[in-house]
Every structure is written in C-alpha cells, then in structure tokens.
C-alpha cells in the first residue's frame, strides 16, 4: 500500500506521549490511517490514530501527518503485519 511507512524501532530512552499506546505506522492521509486500522481490525488488533508531533516530521518527510497506534501487548505483531502488508514482495 502506498503512503504508509512502518514505524522504525526506537530506543527505550525516548518516551512517547501516548500513554499505553505505541505507534506502528506513519501515514500521510486520514484515508491511509483508516485503511491501516481496518487491516489491523481484521486480524484482531485494536488501534487508533493520532496526529504526528512536529518532532516526528522531518524536512525530508513532511508528508507523514498521522500515526496509527496500538496497545503495547500488540505492538510486535502489529508492526510485523504492517511491514509485511506494505513492503513490496521480495523485500527482506
């Protein structure tokens, strides 16, 4: 799916302001966020959307405007599924 970027791994020393929720994808549009959330819902993972904080957008990638967030217990599985769903075939 175009317009979705899997969330990069972060060091534990960098806390995020989302309480019990962790990001699994960055997307450019509300429609892309909705599509990722529907995909996660199909596989039984609850999710929500939040706007990207200014520090999460870079000059090189200003298009990332929304985050898809899941509970910590689902983050590993959700990231793996989103990676597999969005990466082209044959990508390691």
PDB file of N, CA and C in Angstrom:
ATOM      1  N   UNK A   1       0.835  -1.173   0.000  1.00  0.00           N
ATOM      2  CA  UNK A   1       0.000   0.000   0.000  1.00  0.00           C
ATOM      3  C   UNK A   1       0.883   1.240   0.000  1.00  0.00           C
ATOM      4  N   UNK A   2       0.631   2.153  -0.874  1.00  0.00           N
ATOM      5  CA  UNK A   2       1.409   3.389  -0.939  1.00  0.00           C
ATOM      6  C   UNK A   2       0.969   4.340   0.164  1.00  0.00           C
ATOM      7  N   UNK A   3       1.886   5.174   0.593  1.00  0.00           N
ATOM      8  CA  UNK A   3       1.547   6.180   1.584  1.00  0.00           C
ATOM      9  C   UNK A   3       1.589   5.709   3.022  1.00  0.00           C
ATOM     10  N   UNK A   4       2.168   4.531   3.256  1.00  0.00           N
ATOM     11  CA  UNK A   4       2.285   4.009   4.616  1.00  0.00           C
ATOM     12  C   UNK A   4       3.740   3.701   4.884  1.00  0.00           C
ATOM     13  N   UNK A   5       4.202   4.076   6.045  1.00  0.00           N
ATOM     14  CA  UNK A   5       5.581   3.775   6.439  1.00  0.00           C
ATOM     15  C   UNK A   5       5.525   3.072   7.776  1.00  0.00           C
ATOM     16  N   UNK A   6       6.090   1.890   7.846  1.00  0.00           N
ATOM     17  CA  UNK A   6       6.144   1.184   9.119  1.00  0.00           C
ATOM     18  C   UNK A   6       6.951   2.004  10.105  1.00  0.00           C
ATOM     19  N   UNK A   7       6.609   1.900  11.368  1.00  0.00           N
ATOM     20  CA  UNK A   7       7.264   2.693  12.396  1.00  0.00           C
ATOM     21  C   UNK A   7       8.641   2.134  12.692  1.00  0.00           C
ATOM     22  N   UNK A   8       9.685   2.953  12.662  1.00  0.00           N
ATOM     23  CA  UNK A   8      11.029   2.453  12.963  1.00  0.00           C
ATOM     24  C   UNK A   8      11.166   2.108  14.439  1.00  0.00           C
ATOM     25  N   UNK A   9      12.078   1.215  14.730  1.00  0.00           N
ATOM     26  CA  UNK A   9      12.330   0.836  16.123  1.00  0.00           C
ATOM     27  C   UNK A   9      12.939   2.024  16.857  1.00  0.00           C
ATOM     28  N   UNK A  10      12.531   2.230  18.108  1.00  0.00           N
ATOM     29  CA  UNK A  10      13.034   3.359  18.896  1.00  0.00           C
ATOM     30  C   UNK A  10      13.787   2.842  20.107  1.00  0.00           C
ATOM     31  N   UNK A  11      14.701   3.665  20.574  1.00  0.00           N
ATOM     32  CA  UNK A  11      15.391   3.344  21.816  1.00  0.00           C
ATOM     33  C   UNK A  11      14.429   3.580  22.971  1.00  0.00           C
ATOM     34  N   UNK A  12      14.515   2.751  23.994  1.00  0.00           N
ATOM     35  CA  UNK A  12      13.626   2.863  25.150  1.00  0.00           C
ATOM     36  C   UNK A  12      13.772   4.193  25.889  1.00  0.00           C
ATOM     37  N   UNK A  13      14.896   4.866  25.723  1.00  0.00           N
ATOM     38  CA  UNK A  13      15.115   6.123  26.439  1.00  0.00           C
ATOM     39  C   UNK A  13      14.312   7.280  25.853  1.00  0.00           C
ATOM     40  N   UNK A  14      13.633   7.052  24.737  1.00  0.00           N
ATOM     41  CA  UNK A  14      12.843   8.097  24.100  1.00  0.00           C
ATOM     42  C   UNK A  14      11.359   7.825  24.326  1.00  0.00           C
ATOM     43  N   UNK A  15      10.796   8.323  25.433  1.00  0.00           N
ATOM     44  CA  UNK A  15       9.380   8.047  25.698  1.00  0.00           C
ATOM     45  C   UNK A  15       8.467   8.777  24.720  1.00  0.00           C
ATOM     46  N   UNK A  16       7.336   8.199  24.465  1.00  0.00           N
ATOM     47  CA  UNK A  16       6.335   8.801  23.593  1.00  0.00           C
ATOM     48  C   UNK A  16       5.136   9.233  24.430  1.00  0.00           C
ATOM     49  N   UNK A  17       4.449  10.277  24.027  1.00  0.00           N
ATOM     50  CA  UNK A  17       3.376  10.843  24.843  1.00  0.00           C
ATOM     51  C   UNK A  17       2.005  10.200  24.619  1.00  0.00           C
ATOM     52  N   UNK A  18       1.951   8.896  24.381  1.00  0.00           N
ATOM     53  CA  UNK A  18       0.671   8.268  24.070  1.00  0.00           C
ATOM     54  C   UNK A  18       0.204   7.297  25.146  1.00  0.00           C
ATOM     55  N   UNK A  19       0.755   7.381  26.332  1.00  0.00           N
ATOM     56  CA  UNK A  19       0.332   6.512  27.418  1.00  0.00           C
ATOM     57  C   UNK A  19       0.635   5.056  27.116  1.00  0.00           C
ATOM     58  N   UNK A  20      -0.387   4.214  27.102  1.00  0.00           N
ATOM     59  CA  UNK A  20      -0.231   2.780  26.869  1.00  0.00           C
ATOM     60  C   UNK A  20      -0.133   2.417  25.390  1.00  0.00           C
ATOM     61  N   UNK A  21      -0.252   3.384  24.515  1.00  0.00           N
ATOM     62  CA  UNK A  21      -0.260   3.135  23.074  1.00  0.00           C
ATOM     63  C   UNK A  21       1.101   3.407  22.459  1.00  0.00           C
ATOM     64  N   UNK A  22       1.439   2.597  21.457  1.00  0.00           N
ATOM     65  CA  UNK A  22       2.703   2.749  20.743  1.00  0.00           C
ATOM     66  C   UNK A  22       2.426   2.824  19.245  1.00  0.00           C
ATOM     67  N   UNK A  23       3.204   3.610  18.501  1.00  0.00           N
ATOM     68  CA  UNK A  23       2.996   3.732  17.060  1.00  0.00           C
ATOM     69  C   UNK A  23       3.479   2.503  16.300  1.00  0.00           C
ATOM     70  N   UNK A  24       2.722   2.135  15.280  1.00  0.00           N
ATOM     71  CA  UNK A  24       3.126   1.032  14.400  1.00  0.00           C
ATOM     72  C   UNK A  24       3.250   1.475  12.951  1.00  0.00           C
ATOM     73  N   UNK A  25       2.697   2.645  12.606  1.00  0.00           N
ATOM     74  CA  UNK A  25       2.805   3.146  11.231  1.00  0.00           C
ATOM     75  C   UNK A  25       2.648   4.650  11.217  1.00  0.00           C
ATOM     76  N   UNK A  26       3.300   5.280  10.231  1.00  0.00           N
ATOM     77  CA  UNK A  26       3.101   6.697   9.936  1.00  0.00           C
ATOM     78  C   UNK A  26       2.438   6.770   8.576  1.00  0.00           C
ATOM     79  N   UNK A  27       1.429   7.619   8.450  1.00  0.00           N
ATOM     80  CA  UNK A  27       0.709   7.724   7.185  1.00  0.00           C
ATOM     81  C   UNK A  27       0.515   9.186   6.824  1.00  0.00           C
ATOM     82  N   UNK A  28       0.207   9.412   5.554  1.00  0.00           N
ATOM     83  CA  UNK A  28       0.082  10.775   5.056  1.00  0.00           C
ATOM     84  C   UNK A  28      -1.334  11.320   5.125  1.00  0.00           C
ATOM     85  N   UNK A  29      -2.331  10.452   5.084  1.00  0.00           N
ATOM     86  CA  UNK A  29      -3.713  10.932   4.996  1.00  0.00           C
ATOM     87  C   UNK A  29      -4.619  10.199   5.985  1.00  0.00           C
ATOM     88  N   UNK A  30      -5.749  10.808   6.321  1.00  0.00           N
ATOM     89  CA  UNK A  30      -6.723  10.108   7.165  1.00  0.00           C
ATOM     90  C   UNK A  30      -7.224   8.816   6.503  1.00  0.00           C
ATOM     91  N   UNK A  31      -7.352   8.824   5.187  1.00  0.00           N
ATOM     92  CA  UNK A  31      -7.805   7.619   4.478  1.00  0.00           C
ATOM     93  C   UNK A  31      -6.798   6.481   4.627  1.00  0.00           C
ATOM     94  N   UNK A  32      -5.511   6.795   4.550  1.00  0.00           N
ATOM     95  CA  UNK A  32      -4.481   5.765   4.732  1.00  0.00           C
ATOM     96  C   UNK A  32      -4.509   5.233   6.160  1.00  0.00           C
ATOM     97  N   UNK A  33      -4.697   6.130   7.132  1.00  0.00           N
ATOM     98  CA  UNK A  33      -4.793   5.696   8.531  1.00  0.00           C
ATOM     99  C   UNK A  33      -5.986   4.773   8.715  1.00  0.00           C
ATOM    100  N   UNK A  34      -7.104   5.127   8.127  1.00  0.00           N
ATOM    101  CA  UNK A  34      -8.314   4.296   8.215  1.00  0.00           C
ATOM    102  C   UNK A  34      -8.073   2.915   7.600  1.00  0.00           C
ATOM    103  N   UNK A  35      -7.357   2.878   6.473  1.00  0.00           N
ATOM    104  CA  UNK A  35      -7.069   1.605   5.807  1.00  0.00           C
ATOM    105  C   UNK A  35      -6.182   0.707   6.682  1.00  0.00           C
ATOM    106  N   UNK A  36      -5.157   1.284   7.288  1.00  0.00           N
ATOM    107  CA  UNK A  36      -4.285   0.507   8.184  1.00  0.00           C
ATOM    108  C   UNK A  36      -5.094   0.004   9.372  1.00  0.00           C
ATOM    109  N   UNK A  37      -5.920   0.872   9.944  1.00  0.00           N
ATOM    110  CA  UNK A  37      -6.732   0.471  11.091  1.00  0.00           C
ATOM    111  C   UNK A  37      -7.714  -0.642  10.723  1.00  0.00           C
ATOM    112  N   UNK A  38      -8.313  -0.568   9.550  1.00  0.00           N
ATOM    113  CA  UNK A  38      -9.231  -1.639   9.113  1.00  0.00           C
ATOM    114  C   UNK A  38      -8.481  -2.950   8.945  1.00  0.00           C
ATOM    115  N   UNK A  39      -7.269  -2.886   8.384  1.00  0.00           N
ATOM    116  CA  UNK A  39      -6.449  -4.084   8.240  1.00  0.00           C
ATOM    117  C   UNK A  39      -6.154  -4.700   9.608  1.00  0.00           C
ATOM    118  N   UNK A  40      -5.727  -3.866  10.557  1.00  0.00           N
ATOM    119  CA  UNK A  40      -5.425  -4.376  11.892  1.00  0.00           C
ATOM    120  C   UNK A  40      -6.667  -4.932  12.575  1.00  0.00           C
ATOM    121  N   UNK A  41      -7.802  -4.318  12.358  1.00  0.00           N
ATOM    122  CA  UNK A  41      -9.051  -4.805  12.939  1.00  0.00           C
ATOM    123  C   UNK A  41      -9.390  -6.207  12.426  1.00  0.00           C
ATOM    124  N   UNK A  42      -9.142  -6.451  11.154  1.00  0.00           N
ATOM    125  CA  UNK A  42      -9.420  -7.763  10.561  1.00  0.00           C
ATOM    126  C   UNK A  42      -8.611  -8.862  11.245  1.00  0.00           C
ATOM    127  N   UNK A  43      -7.391  -8.539  11.661  1.00  0.00           N
ATOM    128  CA  UNK A  43      -6.544  -9.536  12.323  1.00  0.00           C
ATOM    129  C   UNK A  43      -6.679  -9.481  13.846  1.00  0.00           C
ATOM    130  N   UNK A  44      -7.639  -8.701  14.342  1.00  0.00           N
ATOM    131  CA  UNK A  44      -7.946  -8.695  15.774  1.00  0.00           C
ATOM    132  C   UNK A  44      -7.121  -7.753  16.632  1.00  0.00           C
ATOM    133  N   UNK A  45      -6.529  -6.745  16.028  1.00  0.00           N
ATOM    134  CA  UNK A  45      -5.728  -5.782  16.790  1.00  0.00           C
ATOM    135  C   UNK A  45      -6.462  -4.447  16.817  1.00  0.00           C
ATOM    136  N   UNK A  46      -6.759  -3.970  18.030  1.00  0.00           N
ATOM    137  CA  UNK A  46      -7.409  -2.663  18.171  1.00  0.00           C
ATOM    138  C   UNK A  46      -6.384  -1.564  17.948  1.00  0.00           C
ATOM    139  N   UNK A  47      -6.814  -0.469  17.316  1.00  0.00           N
ATOM    140  CA  UNK A  47      -5.898   0.625  17.021  1.00  0.00           C
ATOM    141  C   UNK A  47      -6.647   1.952  17.029  1.00  0.00           C
ATOM    142  N   UNK A  48      -5.861   3.019  17.010  1.00  0.00           N
ATOM    143  CA  UNK A  48      -6.407   4.366  16.911  1.00  0.00           C
ATOM    144  C   UNK A  48      -5.430   5.215  16.118  1.00  0.00           C
ATOM    145  N   UNK A  49      -5.817   6.450  15.854  1.00  0.00           N
ATOM    146  CA  UNK A  49      -4.987   7.358  15.076  1.00  0.00           C
ATOM    147  C   UNK A  49      -4.708   8.617  15.891  1.00  0.00           C
ATOM    148  N   UNK A  50      -3.510   9.180  15.724  1.00  0.00           N
ATOM    149  CA  UNK A  50      -3.144  10.450  16.358  1.00  0.00           C
ATOM    150  C   UNK A  50      -2.338  11.270  15.358  1.00  0.00           C
ATOM    151  N   UNK A  51      -2.386  12.584  15.487  1.00  0.00           N
ATOM    152  CA  UNK A  51      -1.552  13.406  14.602  1.00  0.00           C
ATOM    153  C   UNK A  51      -0.076  13.247  14.962  1.00  0.00           C
ATOM    154  N   UNK A  52       0.795  13.321  13.961  1.00  0.00           N
ATOM    155  CA  UNK A  52       2.241  13.291  14.220  1.00  0.00           C
ATOM    156  C   UNK A  52       2.626  14.556  14.966  1.00  0.00           C
ATOM    157  N   UNK A  53       3.513  14.410  15.912  1.00  0.00           N
ATOM    158  CA  UNK A  53       4.066  15.571  16.593  1.00  0.00           C
ATOM    159  C   UNK A  53       5.069  16.243  15.672  1.00  0.00           C
ATOM    160  N   UNK A  54       5.302  17.513  15.853  1.00  0.00           N
ATOM    161  CA  UNK A  54       6.217  18.240  14.974  1.00  0.00           C
ATOM    162  C   UNK A  54       7.585  17.596  14.897  1.00  0.00           C
ATOM    163  N   UNK A  55       8.087  17.064  16.001  1.00  0.00           N
ATOM    164  CA  UNK A  55       9.398  16.434  16.013  1.00  0.00           C
ATOM    165  C   UNK A  55       9.453  15.127  15.252  1.00  0.00           C
ATOM    166  N   UNK A  56       8.294  14.543  14.941  1.00  0.00           N
ATOM    167  CA  UNK A  56       8.257  13.274  14.214  1.00  0.00           C
ATOM    168  C   UNK A  56       8.224  13.486  12.710  1.00  0.00           C
ATOM    169  N   UNK A  57       7.998  14.738  12.288  1.00  0.00           N
ATOM    170  CA  UNK A  57       8.037  15.044  10.863  1.00  0.00           C
ATOM    171  C   UNK A  57       9.367  15.716  10.578  1.00  0.00           C
ATOM    172  N   UNK A  58       9.993  15.324   9.511  1.00  0.00           N
ATOM    173  CA  UNK A  58      11.289  15.902   9.169  1.00  0.00           C
ATOM    174  C   UNK A  58      11.165  16.680   7.874  1.00  0.00           C
ATOM    175  N   UNK A  59      12.147  17.498   7.592  1.00  0.00           N
ATOM    176  CA  UNK A  59      12.136  18.251   6.340  1.00  0.00           C
ATOM    177  C   UNK A  59      12.141  17.306   5.143  1.00  0.00           C
ATOM    178  N   UNK A  60      12.799  16.155   5.313  1.00  0.00           N
ATOM    179  CA  UNK A  60      12.863  15.186   4.218  1.00  0.00           C
ATOM    180  C   UNK A  60      11.546  14.442   4.029  1.00  0.00           C
ATOM    181  N   UNK A  61      10.736  14.364   5.106  1.00  0.00           N
ATOM    182  CA  UNK A  61       9.485  13.603   5.021  1.00  0.00           C
ATOM    183  C   UNK A  61       8.337  14.358   5.705  1.00  0.00           C
ATOM    184  N   UNK A  62       7.963  15.517   5.183  1.00  0.00           N
ATOM    185  CA  UNK A  62       6.889  16.283   5.829  1.00  0.00           C
ATOM    186  C   UNK A  62       5.510  15.679   5.596  1.00  0.00           C
ATOM    187  N   UNK A  63       5.423  14.695   4.705  1.00  0.00           N
ATOM    188  CA  UNK A  63       4.119  14.126   4.363  1.00  0.00           C
ATOM    189  C   UNK A  63       3.524  13.251   5.465  1.00  0.00           C
ATOM    190  N   UNK A  64       4.338  12.757   6.388  1.00  0.00           N
ATOM    191  CA  UNK A  64       3.802  11.896   7.445  1.00  0.00           C
ATOM    192  C   UNK A  64       3.027  12.761   8.436  1.00  0.00           C
ATOM    193  N   UNK A  65       1.699  12.673   8.391  1.00  0.00           N
ATOM    194  CA  UNK A  65       0.873  13.547   9.213  1.00  0.00           C
ATOM    195  C   UNK A  65       0.138  12.821  10.325  1.00  0.00           C
ATOM    196  N   UNK A  66       0.015  11.480  10.229  1.00  0.00           N
ATOM    197  CA  UNK A  66      -0.752  10.728  11.221  1.00  0.00           C
ATOM    198  C   UNK A  66       0.004   9.475  11.652  1.00  0.00           C
ATOM    199  N   UNK A  67      -0.262   9.051  12.887  1.00  0.00           N
ATOM    200  CA  UNK A  67       0.282   7.807  13.419  1.00  0.00           C
ATOM    201  C   UNK A  67      -0.854   6.841  13.652  1.00  0.00           C
ATOM    202  N   UNK A  68      -0.588   5.575  13.438  1.00  0.00           N
ATOM    203  CA  UNK A  68      -1.522   4.521  13.841  1.00  0.00           C
ATOM    204  C   UNK A  68      -0.915   3.901  15.097  1.00  0.00           C
ATOM    205  N   UNK A  69      -1.702   3.856  16.171  1.00  0.00           N
ATOM    206  CA  UNK A  69      -1.232   3.415  17.481  1.00  0.00           C
ATOM    207  C   UNK A  69      -1.958   2.156  17.934  1.00  0.00           C
ATOM    208  N   UNK A  70      -1.250   1.276  18.636  1.00  0.00           N
ATOM    209  CA  UNK A  70      -1.844   0.066  19.209  1.00  0.00           C
ATOM    210  C   UNK A  70      -1.355  -0.080  20.654  1.00  0.00           C
ATOM    211  N   UNK A  71      -2.005  -0.958  21.403  1.00  0.00           N
ATOM    212  CA  UNK A  71      -1.556  -1.249  22.763  1.00  0.00           C
ATOM    213  C   UNK A  71      -0.217  -1.985  22.722  1.00  0.00           C
ATOM    214  N   UNK A  72       0.587  -1.784  23.757  1.00  0.00           N
ATOM    215  CA  UNK A  72       1.933  -2.351  23.819  1.00  0.00           C
ATOM    216  C   UNK A  72       1.935  -3.863  23.632  1.00  0.00           C
ATOM    217  N   UNK A  73       0.928  -4.562  24.146  1.00  0.00           N
ATOM    218  CA  UNK A  73       0.921  -6.024  24.029  1.00  0.00           C
ATOM    219  C   UNK A  73       0.779  -6.485  22.579  1.00  0.00           C
ATOM    220  N   UNK A  74       0.290  -5.617  21.700  1.00  0.00           N
ATOM    221  CA  UNK A  74       0.079  -5.971  20.291  1.00  0.00           C
ATOM    222  C   UNK A  74       1.123  -5.376  19.358  1.00  0.00           C
ATOM    223  N   UNK A  75       2.055  -4.576  19.882  1.00  0.00           N
ATOM    224  CA  UNK A  75       2.926  -3.792  19.011  1.00  0.00           C
ATOM    225  C   UNK A  75       3.835  -4.654  18.132  1.00  0.00           C
ATOM    226  N   UNK A  76       4.418  -5.699  18.661  1.00  0.00           N
ATOM    227  CA  UNK A  76       5.327  -6.530  17.858  1.00  0.00           C
ATOM    228  C   UNK A  76       4.585  -7.183  16.704  1.00  0.00           C
ATOM    229  N   UNK A  77       3.463  -7.785  17.003  1.00  0.00           N
ATOM    230  CA  UNK A  77       2.658  -8.444  15.958  1.00  0.00           C
ATOM    231  C   UNK A  77       2.145  -7.420  14.945  1.00  0.00           C
ATOM    232  N   UNK A  78       1.659  -6.277  15.420  1.00  0.00           N
ATOM    233  CA  UNK A  78       1.119  -5.256  14.520  1.00  0.00           C
ATOM    234  C   UNK A  78       2.196  -4.718  13.586  1.00  0.00           C
ATOM    235  N   UNK A  79       3.384  -4.433  14.126  1.00  0.00           N
ATOM    236  CA  UNK A  79       4.468  -3.927  13.277  1.00  0.00           C
ATOM    237  C   UNK A  79       4.861  -4.949  12.222  1.00  0.00           C
ATOM    238  N   UNK A  80       4.949  -6.215  12.630  1.00  0.00           N
ATOM    239  CA  UNK A  80       5.302  -7.268  11.670  1.00  0.00           C
ATOM    240  C   UNK A  80       4.260  -7.353  10.562  1.00  0.00           C
ATOM    241  N   UNK A  81       2.976  -7.345  10.934  1.00  0.00           N
ATOM    242  CA  UNK A  81       1.910  -7.443   9.945  1.00  0.00           C
ATOM    243  C   UNK A  81       1.875  -6.231   9.019  1.00  0.00           C
ATOM    244  N   UNK A  82       2.026  -5.037   9.574  1.00  0.00           N
ATOM    245  CA  UNK A  82       2.028  -3.828   8.746  1.00  0.00           C
ATOM    246  C   UNK A  82       3.235  -3.837   7.819  1.00  0.00           C
ATOM    247  N   UNK A  83       4.401  -4.260   8.320  1.00  0.00           N
ATOM    248  CA  UNK A  83       5.589  -4.363   7.463  1.00  0.00           C
ATOM    249  C   UNK A  83       5.330  -5.301   6.294  1.00  0.00           C
ATOM    250  N   UNK A  84       4.786  -6.477   6.580  1.00  0.00           N
ATOM    251  CA  UNK A  84       4.526  -7.470   5.530  1.00  0.00           C
ATOM    252  C   UNK A  84       3.473  -6.966   4.549  1.00  0.00           C
ATOM    253  N   UNK A  85       2.509  -6.252   5.049  1.00  0.00           N
ATOM    254  CA  UNK A  85       1.407  -5.764   4.220  1.00  0.00           C
ATOM    255  C   UNK A  85       1.841  -4.638   3.298  1.00  0.00           C
ATOM    256  N   UNK A  86       2.792  -3.786   3.736  1.00  0.00           N
ATOM    257  CA  UNK A  86       3.147  -2.607   2.981  1.00  0.00           C
ATOM    258  C   UNK A  86       4.418  -2.739   2.162  1.00  0.00           C
ATOM    259  N   UNK A  87       5.298  -3.681   2.490  1.00  0.00           N
ATOM    260  CA  UNK A  87       6.545  -3.814   1.754  1.00  0.00           C
ATOM    261  C   UNK A  87       6.340  -4.573   0.458  1.00  0.00           C
ATOM    262  N   UNK A  88       7.025  -4.187  -0.603  1.00  0.00           N
ATOM    263  CA  UNK A  88       6.926  -4.937  -1.848  1.00  0.00           C
ATOM    264  C   UNK A  88       7.432  -6.366  -1.695  1.00  0.00           C
ATOM    265  N   UNK A  89       6.909  -7.268  -2.479  1.00  0.00           N
ATOM    266  CA  UNK A  89       7.335  -8.677  -2.436  1.00  0.00           C
ATOM    267  C   UNK A  89       8.839  -8.756  -2.655  1.00  0.00           C
ATOM    268  N   UNK A  90       9.488  -9.617  -1.912  1.00  0.00           N
ATOM    269  CA  UNK A  90      10.916  -9.817  -2.050  1.00  0.00           C
ATOM    270  C   UNK A  90      11.769  -8.891  -1.208  1.00  0.00           C
ATOM    271  N   UNK A  91      11.139  -7.949  -0.488  1.00  0.00           N
ATOM    272  CA  UNK A  91      11.893  -7.049   0.384  1.00  0.00           C
ATOM    273  C   UNK A  91      12.224  -7.784   1.674  1.00  0.00           C
ATOM    274  N   UNK A  92      13.473  -7.783   2.113  1.00  0.00           N
ATOM    275  CA  UNK A  92      13.829  -8.504   3.345  1.00  0.00           C
ATOM    276  C   UNK A  92      13.223  -7.865   4.577  1.00  0.00           C
TER     277      UNK A  92
END
